Amino acid sequence: MHIWLSAPPARALILELAPWPGRDGGGGGGGADTVVLFARLDGAEITYRDLVRDVWLDDWDRPPPLLPAAVSIEFHSVPPIPPLVVSLPGRPRR
């Protein structure tokens, strides 16, 4: 998963799910799904919880398969941002 804030002036918060093998049904890599979480923000701060070092970090550069224990995203916007509900694209699992 990749979360980033786009370049000004729009400053959209975007979430992208990385492709994985077999996603397209034919054994290829497939494409990533992208969702715009917020179309316009004044800013955002994203931090990652590293339980090994017991700290919050400004970026996550640890190699896979090590993932952060938590991700915190603080939004900055005027007027206040409505509650976030996101439906990620994909097909139902059997």
PDB file of N, CA and C in Angstrom:
ATOM      1  N   MET A   1       0.848  -1.160   0.000  1.00  0.00           N
ATOM      2  CA  MET A   1       0.000   0.000   0.000  1.00  0.00           C
ATOM      3  C   MET A   1       0.897   1.227   0.000  1.00  0.00           C
ATOM      4  N   HIS A   2       0.500   2.228  -0.759  1.00  0.00           N
ATOM      5  CA  HIS A   2       1.247   3.477  -0.849  1.00  0.00           C
ATOM      6  C   HIS A   2       0.260   4.616  -0.617  1.00  0.00           C
ATOM      7  N   ILE A   3       0.521   5.476   0.358  1.00  0.00           N
ATOM      8  CA  ILE A   3      -0.327   6.632   0.653  1.00  0.00           C
ATOM      9  C   ILE A   3       0.529   7.874   0.484  1.00  0.00           C
ATOM     10  N   TRP A   4       0.022   8.841  -0.289  1.00  0.00           N
ATOM     11  CA  TRP A   4       0.787  10.067  -0.468  1.00  0.00           C
ATOM     12  C   TRP A   4      -0.131  11.250  -0.685  1.00  0.00           C
ATOM     13  N   LEU A   5       0.454  12.447  -0.513  1.00  0.00           N
ATOM     14  CA  LEU A   5      -0.234  13.713  -0.733  1.00  0.00           C
ATOM     15  C   LEU A   5       0.244  14.259  -2.072  1.00  0.00           C
ATOM     16  N   SER A   6      -0.686  14.514  -3.003  1.00  0.00           N
ATOM     17  CA  SER A   6      -0.297  14.978  -4.343  1.00  0.00           C
ATOM     18  C   SER A   6       0.256  16.396  -4.290  1.00  0.00           C
ATOM     19  N   ALA A   7       0.850  16.812  -5.384  1.00  0.00           N
ATOM     20  CA  ALA A   7       1.462  18.134  -5.478  1.00  0.00           C
ATOM     21  C   ALA A   7       0.420  19.237  -5.444  1.00  0.00           C
ATOM     22  N   PRO A   8       0.806  20.449  -4.970  1.00  0.00           N
ATOM     23  CA  PRO A   8      -0.118  21.583  -4.983  1.00  0.00           C
ATOM     24  C   PRO A   8      -0.535  21.904  -6.408  1.00  0.00           C
ATOM     25  N   PRO A   9      -1.659  22.552  -6.652  1.00  0.00           N
ATOM     26  CA  PRO A   9      -2.527  23.154  -5.655  1.00  0.00           C
ATOM     27  C   PRO A   9      -3.591  22.210  -5.103  1.00  0.00           C
ATOM     28  N   ALA A  10      -3.861  21.069  -5.723  1.00  0.00           N
ATOM     29  CA  ALA A  10      -4.973  20.203  -5.311  1.00  0.00           C
ATOM     30  C   ALA A  10      -4.733  19.581  -3.934  1.00  0.00           C
ATOM     31  N   ARG A  11      -3.536  19.086  -3.660  1.00  0.00           N
ATOM     32  CA  ARG A  11      -3.186  18.435  -2.404  1.00  0.00           C
ATOM     33  C   ARG A  11      -4.158  17.318  -2.044  1.00  0.00           C
ATOM     34  N   ALA A  12      -4.381  16.399  -2.961  1.00  0.00           N
ATOM     35  CA  ALA A  12      -5.263  15.253  -2.719  1.00  0.00           C
ATOM     36  C   ALA A  12      -4.499  14.182  -1.946  1.00  0.00           C
ATOM     37  N   LEU A  13      -5.181  13.507  -1.024  1.00  0.00           N
ATOM     38  CA  LEU A  13      -4.603  12.368  -0.328  1.00  0.00           C
ATOM     39  C   LEU A  13      -5.006  11.119  -1.099  1.00  0.00           C
ATOM     40  N   ILE A  14      -4.017  10.354  -1.558  1.00  0.00           N
ATOM     41  CA  ILE A  14      -4.254   9.230  -2.457  1.00  0.00           C
ATOM     42  C   ILE A  14      -3.729   7.941  -1.831  1.00  0.00           C
ATOM     43  N   LEU A  15      -4.498   6.864  -1.981  1.00  0.00           N
ATOM     44  CA  LEU A  15      -4.095   5.540  -1.517  1.00  0.00           C
ATOM     45  C   LEU A  15      -4.000   4.636  -2.732  1.00  0.00           C
ATOM     46  N   GLU A  16      -2.889   3.917  -2.851  1.00  0.00           N
ATOM     47  CA  GLU A  16      -2.703   2.993  -3.967  1.00  0.00           C
ATOM     48  C   GLU A  16      -2.355   1.616  -3.411  1.00  0.00           C
ATOM     49  N   LEU A  17      -3.078   0.615  -3.876  1.00  0.00           N
ATOM     50  CA  LEU A  17      -2.783  -0.764  -3.501  1.00  0.00           C
ATOM     51  C   LEU A  17      -1.857  -1.346  -4.556  1.00  0.00           C
ATOM     52  N   ALA A  18      -0.721  -1.847  -4.134  1.00  0.00           N
ATOM     53  CA  ALA A  18       0.257  -2.383  -5.080  1.00  0.00           C
ATOM     54  C   ALA A  18      -0.289  -3.629  -5.768  1.00  0.00           C
ATOM     55  N   PRO A  19       0.083  -3.846  -7.021  1.00  0.00           N
ATOM     56  CA  PRO A  19      -0.363  -5.058  -7.728  1.00  0.00           C
ATOM     57  C   PRO A  19       0.291  -6.292  -7.118  1.00  0.00           C
ATOM     58  N   TRP A  20      -0.337  -7.436  -7.293  1.00  0.00           N
ATOM     59  CA  TRP A  20       0.224  -8.692  -6.826  1.00  0.00           C
ATOM     60  C   TRP A  20       0.037  -9.752  -7.904  1.00  0.00           C
ATOM     61  N   PRO A  21       0.859 -10.791  -7.894  1.00  0.00           N
ATOM     62  CA  PRO A  21       0.784 -11.814  -8.951  1.00  0.00           C
ATOM     63  C   PRO A  21      -0.596 -12.443  -9.052  1.00  0.00           C
ATOM     64  N   GLY A  22      -1.046 -12.625 -10.288  1.00  0.00           N
ATOM     65  CA  GLY A  22      -2.325 -13.287 -10.518  1.00  0.00           C
ATOM     66  C   GLY A  22      -3.535 -12.400 -10.365  1.00  0.00           C
ATOM     67  N   ARG A  23      -3.345 -11.134 -10.092  1.00  0.00           N
ATOM     68  CA  ARG A  23      -4.457 -10.215  -9.871  1.00  0.00           C
ATOM     69  C   ARG A  23      -5.374 -10.115 -11.081  1.00  0.00           C
ATOM     70  N   ASP A  24      -4.789 -10.179 -12.280  1.00  0.00           N
ATOM     71  CA  ASP A  24      -5.586 -10.043 -13.499  1.00  0.00           C
ATOM     72  C   ASP A  24      -6.173 -11.375 -13.954  1.00  0.00           C
ATOM     73  N   GLY A  25      -5.992 -12.436 -13.158  1.00  0.00           N
ATOM     74  CA  GLY A  25      -6.562 -13.734 -13.490  1.00  0.00           C
ATOM     75  C   GLY A  25      -5.722 -14.542 -14.460  1.00  0.00           C
ATOM     76  N   GLY A  26      -4.687 -13.934 -15.042  1.00  0.00           N
ATOM     77  CA  GLY A  26      -3.885 -14.644 -16.023  1.00  0.00           C
ATOM     78  C   GLY A  26      -2.467 -14.892 -15.576  1.00  0.00           C
ATOM     79  N   GLY A  27      -2.189 -14.657 -14.304  1.00  0.00           N
ATOM     80  CA  GLY A  27      -0.852 -14.907 -13.781  1.00  0.00           C
ATOM     81  C   GLY A  27       0.088 -13.728 -13.926  1.00  0.00           C
ATOM     82  N   GLY A  28      -0.367 -12.649 -14.571  1.00  0.00           N
ATOM     83  CA  GLY A  28       0.472 -11.467 -14.697  1.00  0.00           C
ATOM     84  C   GLY A  28       0.427 -10.622 -13.442  1.00  0.00           C
ATOM     85  N   GLY A  29       1.139  -9.524 -13.453  1.00  0.00           N
ATOM     86  CA  GLY A  29       1.198  -8.664 -12.280  1.00  0.00           C
ATOM     87  C   GLY A  29      -0.043  -7.844 -12.062  1.00  0.00           C
ATOM     88  N   GLY A  30      -0.834  -7.553 -13.124  1.00  0.00           N
ATOM     89  CA  GLY A  30      -2.024  -6.728 -12.952  1.00  0.00           C
ATOM     90  C   GLY A  30      -1.648  -5.294 -12.648  1.00  0.00           C
ATOM     91  N   GLY A  31      -2.638  -4.442 -12.501  1.00  0.00           N
ATOM     92  CA  GLY A  31      -2.396  -3.042 -12.188  1.00  0.00           C
ATOM     93  C   GLY A  31      -2.789  -2.735 -10.761  1.00  0.00           C
ATOM     94  N   ALA A  32      -2.325  -1.613 -10.260  1.00  0.00           N
ATOM     95  CA  ALA A  32      -2.651  -1.189  -8.897  1.00  0.00           C
ATOM     96  C   ALA A  32      -4.005  -0.491  -8.882  1.00  0.00           C
ATOM     97  N   ASP A  33      -4.747  -0.652  -7.783  1.00  0.00           N
ATOM     98  CA  ASP A  33      -5.982   0.082  -7.575  1.00  0.00           C
ATOM     99  C   ASP A  33      -5.641   1.371  -6.852  1.00  0.00           C
ATOM    100  N   THR A  34      -6.226   2.486  -7.293  1.00  0.00           N
ATOM    101  CA  THR A  34      -5.966   3.786  -6.691  1.00  0.00           C
ATOM    102  C   THR A  34      -7.275   4.404  -6.236  1.00  0.00           C
ATOM    103  N   VAL A  35      -7.271   4.954  -5.012  1.00  0.00           N
ATOM    104  CA  VAL A  35      -8.452   5.591  -4.443  1.00  0.00           C
ATOM    105  C   VAL A  35      -8.043   6.966  -3.938  1.00  0.00           C
ATOM    106  N   VAL A  36      -8.807   8.007  -4.291  1.00  0.00           N
ATOM    107  CA  VAL A  36      -8.588   9.339  -3.748  1.00  0.00           C
ATOM    108  C   VAL A  36      -9.360   9.413  -2.436  1.00  0.00           C
ATOM    109  N   LEU A  37      -8.632   9.513  -1.319  1.00  0.00           N
ATOM    110  CA  LEU A  37      -9.275   9.566  -0.012  1.00  0.00           C
ATOM    111  C   LEU A  37      -9.892  10.937   0.240  1.00  0.00           C
ATOM    112  N   PHE A  38      -9.149  12.004  -0.066  1.00  0.00           N
ATOM    113  CA  PHE A  38      -9.638  13.370   0.038  1.00  0.00           C
ATOM    114  C   PHE A  38      -9.169  14.122  -1.201  1.00  0.00           C
ATOM    115  N   ALA A  39     -10.085  14.798  -1.877  1.00  0.00           N
ATOM    116  CA  ALA A  39      -9.736  15.495  -3.113  1.00  0.00           C
ATOM    117  C   ALA A  39      -8.939  16.768  -2.857  1.00  0.00           C
ATOM    118  N   ARG A  40      -9.123  17.394  -1.705  1.00  0.00           N
ATOM    119  CA  ARG A  40      -8.418  18.645  -1.434  1.00  0.00           C
ATOM    120  C   ARG A  40      -8.124  18.782   0.058  1.00  0.00           C
ATOM    121  N   LEU A  41      -6.848  18.956   0.388  1.00  0.00           N
ATOM    122  CA  LEU A  41      -6.409  19.155   1.768  1.00  0.00           C
ATOM    123  C   LEU A  41      -5.453  20.330   1.822  1.00  0.00           C
ATOM    124  N   ASP A  42      -5.375  20.951   2.986  1.00  0.00           N
ATOM    125  CA  ASP A  42      -4.365  21.985   3.199  1.00  0.00           C
ATOM    126  C   ASP A  42      -3.031  21.350   3.586  1.00  0.00           C
ATOM    127  N   GLY A  43      -3.083  20.105   4.052  1.00  0.00           N
ATOM    128  CA  GLY A  43      -1.867  19.380   4.408  1.00  0.00           C
ATOM    129  C   GLY A  43      -2.208  18.106   5.156  1.00  0.00           C
ATOM    130  N   ALA A  44      -1.219  17.270   5.340  1.00  0.00           N
ATOM    131  CA  ALA A  44      -1.388  16.031   6.090  1.00  0.00           C
ATOM    132  C   ALA A  44      -0.029  15.602   6.626  1.00  0.00           C
ATOM    133  N   GLU A  45      -0.061  14.931   7.776  1.00  0.00           N
ATOM    134  CA  GLU A  45       1.147  14.366   8.356  1.00  0.00           C
ATOM    135  C   GLU A  45       0.919  12.870   8.509  1.00  0.00           C
ATOM    136  N   ILE A  46       1.814  12.075   7.944  1.00  0.00           N
ATOM    137  CA  ILE A  46       1.711  10.625   8.021  1.00  0.00           C
ATOM    138  C   ILE A  46       2.898  10.118   8.825  1.00  0.00           C
ATOM    139  N   THR A  47       2.618   9.352   9.903  1.00  0.00           N
ATOM    140  CA  THR A  47       3.673   8.768  10.710  1.00  0.00           C
ATOM    141  C   THR A  47       3.415   7.267  10.859  1.00  0.00           C
ATOM    142  N   TYR A  48       4.478   6.543  11.157  1.00  0.00           N
ATOM    143  CA  TYR A  48       4.444   5.082  11.192  1.00  0.00           C
ATOM    144  C   TYR A  48       4.983   4.603  12.534  1.00  0.00           C
ATOM    145  N   ARG A  49       4.305   3.634  13.143  1.00  0.00           N
ATOM    146  CA  ARG A  49       4.709   3.101  14.447  1.00  0.00           C
ATOM    147  C   ARG A  49       5.630   1.897  14.272  1.00  0.00           C
ATOM    148  N   ASP A  50       6.844   2.029  14.798  1.00  0.00           N
ATOM    149  CA  ASP A  50       7.829   0.947  14.772  1.00  0.00           C
ATOM    150  C   ASP A  50       7.891   0.355  16.180  1.00  0.00           C
ATOM    151  N   LEU A  51       7.325  -0.846  16.352  1.00  0.00           N
ATOM    152  CA  LEU A  51       7.312  -1.477  17.667  1.00  0.00           C
ATOM    153  C   LEU A  51       8.673  -2.003  18.083  1.00  0.00           C
ATOM    154  N   VAL A  52       9.553  -2.306  17.115  1.00  0.00           N
ATOM    155  CA  VAL A  52      10.894  -2.796  17.442  1.00  0.00           C
ATOM    156  C   VAL A  52      11.662  -1.723  18.199  1.00  0.00           C
ATOM    157  N   ARG A  53      11.602  -0.478  17.698  1.00  0.00           N
ATOM    158  CA  ARG A  53      12.311   0.638  18.346  1.00  0.00           C
ATOM    159  C   ARG A  53      11.419   1.425  19.300  1.00  0.00           C
ATOM    160  N   ASP A  54      10.089   1.080  19.336  1.00  0.00           N
ATOM    161  CA  ASP A  54       9.111   1.733  20.213  1.00  0.00           C
ATOM    162  C   ASP A  54       9.046   3.249  19.963  1.00  0.00           C
ATOM    163  N   VAL A  55       8.928   3.623  18.659  1.00  0.00           N
ATOM    164  CA  VAL A  55       8.872   5.038  18.278  1.00  0.00           C
ATOM    165  C   VAL A  55       7.926   5.231  17.091  1.00  0.00           C
ATOM    166  N   TRP A  56       7.489   6.478  16.899  1.00  0.00           N
ATOM    167  CA  TRP A  56       6.764   6.891  15.697  1.00  0.00           C
ATOM    168  C   TRP A  56       7.782   7.487  14.743  1.00  0.00           C
ATOM    169  N   LEU A  57       7.720   7.119  13.449  1.00  0.00           N
ATOM    170  CA  LEU A  57       8.674   7.576  12.440  1.00  0.00           C
ATOM    171  C   LEU A  57       7.972   8.400  11.365  1.00  0.00           C
ATOM    172  N   ASP A  58       8.701   9.361  10.768  1.00  0.00           N
ATOM    173  CA  ASP A  58       8.153  10.198   9.692  1.00  0.00           C
ATOM    174  C   ASP A  58       8.089   9.465   8.359  1.00  0.00           C
ATOM    175  N   ASP A  59       8.891   8.422   8.172  1.00  0.00           N
ATOM    176  CA  ASP A  59       8.826   7.621   6.943  1.00  0.00           C
ATOM    177  C   ASP A  59       9.112   6.167   7.283  1.00  0.00           C
ATOM    178  N   TRP A  60       8.671   5.291   6.390  1.00  0.00           N
ATOM    179  CA  TRP A  60       8.862   3.853   6.614  1.00  0.00           C
ATOM    180  C   TRP A  60       9.739   3.313   5.497  1.00  0.00           C
ATOM    181  N   ASP A  61      10.983   2.992   5.822  1.00  0.00           N
ATOM    182  CA  ASP A  61      11.909   2.513   4.797  1.00  0.00           C
ATOM    183  C   ASP A  61      12.444   1.118   5.115  1.00  0.00           C
ATOM    184  N   ARG A  62      11.755   0.411   6.021  1.00  0.00           N
ATOM    185  CA  ARG A  62      12.174  -0.949   6.366  1.00  0.00           C
ATOM    186  C   ARG A  62      11.795  -1.889   5.218  1.00  0.00           C
ATOM    187  N   PRO A  63      12.650  -2.838   4.879  1.00  0.00           N
ATOM    188  CA  PRO A  63      12.341  -3.754   3.768  1.00  0.00           C
ATOM    189  C   PRO A  63      11.221  -4.729   4.134  1.00  0.00           C
ATOM    190  N   PRO A  64      10.434  -5.146   3.124  1.00  0.00           N
ATOM    191  CA  PRO A  64       9.403  -6.159   3.370  1.00  0.00           C
ATOM    192  C   PRO A  64      10.069  -7.432   3.858  1.00  0.00           C
ATOM    193  N   PRO A  65       9.425  -8.211   4.648  1.00  0.00           N
ATOM    194  CA  PRO A  65       8.009  -8.193   4.988  1.00  0.00           C
ATOM    195  C   PRO A  65       7.693  -7.393   6.243  1.00  0.00           C
ATOM    196  N   LEU A  66       8.644  -6.619   6.797  1.00  0.00           N
ATOM    197  CA  LEU A  66       8.402  -5.862   8.014  1.00  0.00           C
ATOM    198  C   LEU A  66       7.504  -4.662   7.722  1.00  0.00           C
ATOM    199  N   LEU A  67       6.340  -4.635   8.369  1.00  0.00           N
ATOM    200  CA  LEU A  67       5.374  -3.554   8.198  1.00  0.00           C
ATOM    201  C   LEU A  67       5.240  -2.770   9.486  1.00  0.00           C
ATOM    202  N   PRO A  68       4.800  -1.505   9.408  1.00  0.00           N
ATOM    203  CA  PRO A  68       4.582  -0.752  10.640  1.00  0.00           C
ATOM    204  C   PRO A  68       3.441  -1.373  11.447  1.00  0.00           C
ATOM    205  N   ALA A  69       3.510  -1.205  12.749  1.00  0.00           N
ATOM    206  CA  ALA A  69       2.455  -1.714  13.623  1.00  0.00           C
ATOM    207  C   ALA A  69       1.195  -0.862  13.499  1.00  0.00           C
ATOM    208  N   ALA A  70       1.359   0.414  13.139  1.00  0.00           N
ATOM    209  CA  ALA A  70       0.228   1.328  12.968  1.00  0.00           C
ATOM    210  C   ALA A  70       0.653   2.466  12.057  1.00  0.00           C
ATOM    211  N   VAL A  71      -0.331   3.096  11.429  1.00  0.00           N
ATOM    212  CA  VAL A  71      -0.098   4.273  10.599  1.00  0.00           C
ATOM    213  C   VAL A  71      -1.034   5.359  11.092  1.00  0.00           C
ATOM    214  N   SER A  72      -0.496   6.540  11.346  1.00  0.00           N
ATOM    215  CA  SER A  72      -1.293   7.671  11.790  1.00  0.00           C
ATOM    216  C   SER A  72      -1.295   8.734  10.696  1.00  0.00           C
ATOM    217  N   ILE A  73      -2.492   9.206  10.313  1.00  0.00           N
ATOM    218  CA  ILE A  73      -2.602  10.262   9.316  1.00  0.00           C
ATOM    219  C   ILE A  73      -3.380  11.407   9.941  1.00  0.00           C
ATOM    220  N   GLU A  74      -2.722  12.554  10.082  1.00  0.00           N
ATOM    221  CA  GLU A  74      -3.355  13.753  10.634  1.00  0.00           C
ATOM    222  C   GLU A  74      -3.642  14.709   9.480  1.00  0.00           C
ATOM    223  N   PHE A  75      -4.907  15.087   9.321  1.00  0.00           N
ATOM    224  CA  PHE A  75      -5.328  15.922   8.199  1.00  0.00           C
ATOM    225  C   PHE A  75      -5.435  17.376   8.622  1.00  0.00           C
ATOM    226  N   HIS A  76      -5.127  18.279   7.685  1.00  0.00           N
ATOM    227  CA  HIS A  76      -5.267  19.715   7.911  1.00  0.00           C
ATOM    228  C   HIS A  76      -6.147  20.270   6.799  1.00  0.00           C
ATOM    229  N   SER A  77      -7.282  20.853   7.194  1.00  0.00           N
ATOM    230  CA  SER A  77      -8.194  21.391   6.192  1.00  0.00           C
ATOM    231  C   SER A  77      -9.136  22.405   6.823  1.00  0.00           C
ATOM    232  N   VAL A  78      -9.503  23.403   6.038  1.00  0.00           N
ATOM    233  CA  VAL A  78     -10.526  24.364   6.425  1.00  0.00           C
ATOM    234  C   VAL A  78     -11.506  24.404   5.274  1.00  0.00           C
ATOM    235  N   PRO A  79     -12.794  24.149   5.473  1.00  0.00           N
ATOM    236  CA  PRO A  79     -13.468  23.786   6.715  1.00  0.00           C
ATOM    237  C   PRO A  79     -13.099  22.374   7.145  1.00  0.00           C
ATOM    238  N   PRO A  80     -13.553  21.949   8.364  1.00  0.00           N
ATOM    239  CA  PRO A  80     -13.209  20.613   8.859  1.00  0.00           C
ATOM    240  C   PRO A  80     -13.592  19.508   7.870  1.00  0.00           C
ATOM    241  N   ILE A  81     -12.838  18.429   7.911  1.00  0.00           N
ATOM    242  CA  ILE A  81     -13.029  17.293   7.007  1.00  0.00           C
ATOM    243  C   ILE A  81     -14.147  16.397   7.537  1.00  0.00           C
ATOM    244  N   PRO A  82     -15.040  15.948   6.651  1.00  0.00           N
ATOM    245  CA  PRO A  82     -16.081  15.011   7.086  1.00  0.00           C
ATOM    246  C   PRO A  82     -15.467  13.649   7.411  1.00  0.00           C
ATOM    247  N   PRO A  83     -16.200  12.772   8.092  1.00  0.00           N
ATOM    248  CA  PRO A  83     -15.662  11.447   8.413  1.00  0.00           C
ATOM    249  C   PRO A  83     -15.247  10.701   7.139  1.00  0.00           C
ATOM    250  N   LEU A  84     -14.208   9.898   7.261  1.00  0.00           N
ATOM    251  CA  LEU A  84     -13.654   9.155   6.126  1.00  0.00           C
ATOM    252  C   LEU A  84     -14.218   7.739   6.086  1.00  0.00           C
ATOM    253  N   VAL A  85     -14.849   7.403   4.975  1.00  0.00           N
ATOM    254  CA  VAL A  85     -15.292   6.037   4.714  1.00  0.00           C
ATOM    255  C   VAL A  85     -14.822   5.703   3.314  1.00  0.00           C
ATOM    256  N   VAL A  86     -14.022   4.646   3.175  1.00  0.00           N
ATOM    257  CA  VAL A  86     -13.436   4.302   1.881  1.00  0.00           C
ATOM    258  C   VAL A  86     -13.819   2.879   1.514  1.00  0.00           C
ATOM    259  N   SER A  87     -14.310   2.704   0.299  1.00  0.00           N
ATOM    260  CA  SER A  87     -14.547   1.368  -0.250  1.00  0.00           C
ATOM    261  C   SER A  87     -13.445   1.092  -1.259  1.00  0.00           C
ATOM    262  N   LEU A  88     -12.625   0.114  -0.971  1.00  0.00           N
ATOM    263  CA  LEU A  88     -11.532  -0.214  -1.874  1.00  0.00           C
ATOM    264  C   LEU A  88     -12.043  -1.082  -3.006  1.00  0.00           C
ATOM    265  N   PRO A  89     -11.608  -0.796  -4.240  1.00  0.00           N
ATOM    266  CA  PRO A  89     -12.054  -1.602  -5.369  1.00  0.00           C
ATOM    267  C   PRO A  89     -11.532  -3.027  -5.260  1.00  0.00           C
ATOM    268  N   GLY A  90     -12.232  -3.924  -5.848  1.00  0.00           N
ATOM    269  CA  GLY A  90     -11.798  -5.322  -5.829  1.00  0.00           C
ATOM    270  C   GLY A  90     -13.005  -6.231  -6.011  1.00  0.00           C
ATOM    271  N   ARG A  91     -12.712  -7.476  -6.165  1.00  0.00           N
ATOM    272  CA  ARG A  91     -13.802  -8.429  -6.344  1.00  0.00           C
ATOM    273  C   ARG A  91     -13.990  -9.208  -5.052  1.00  0.00           C
ATOM    274  N   PRO A  92     -15.195  -9.716  -4.826  1.00  0.00           N
ATOM    275  CA  PRO A  92     -15.451 -10.478  -3.592  1.00  0.00           C
ATOM    276  C   PRO A  92     -14.597 -11.742  -3.555  1.00  0.00           C
ATOM    277  N   ARG A  93     -14.219 -12.118  -2.351  1.00  0.00           N
ATOM    278  CA  ARG A  93     -13.441 -13.354  -2.160  1.00  0.00           C
ATOM    279  C   ARG A  93     -14.394 -14.504  -1.972  1.00  0.00           C
ATOM    280  N   ARG A  94     -13.981 -15.674  -2.437  1.00  0.00           N
ATOM    281  CA  ARG A  94     -14.820 -16.873  -2.289  1.00  0.00           C
ATOM    282  C   ARG A  94     -14.415 -17.674  -1.089  1.00  0.00           C
TER     283      ARG A  94
END
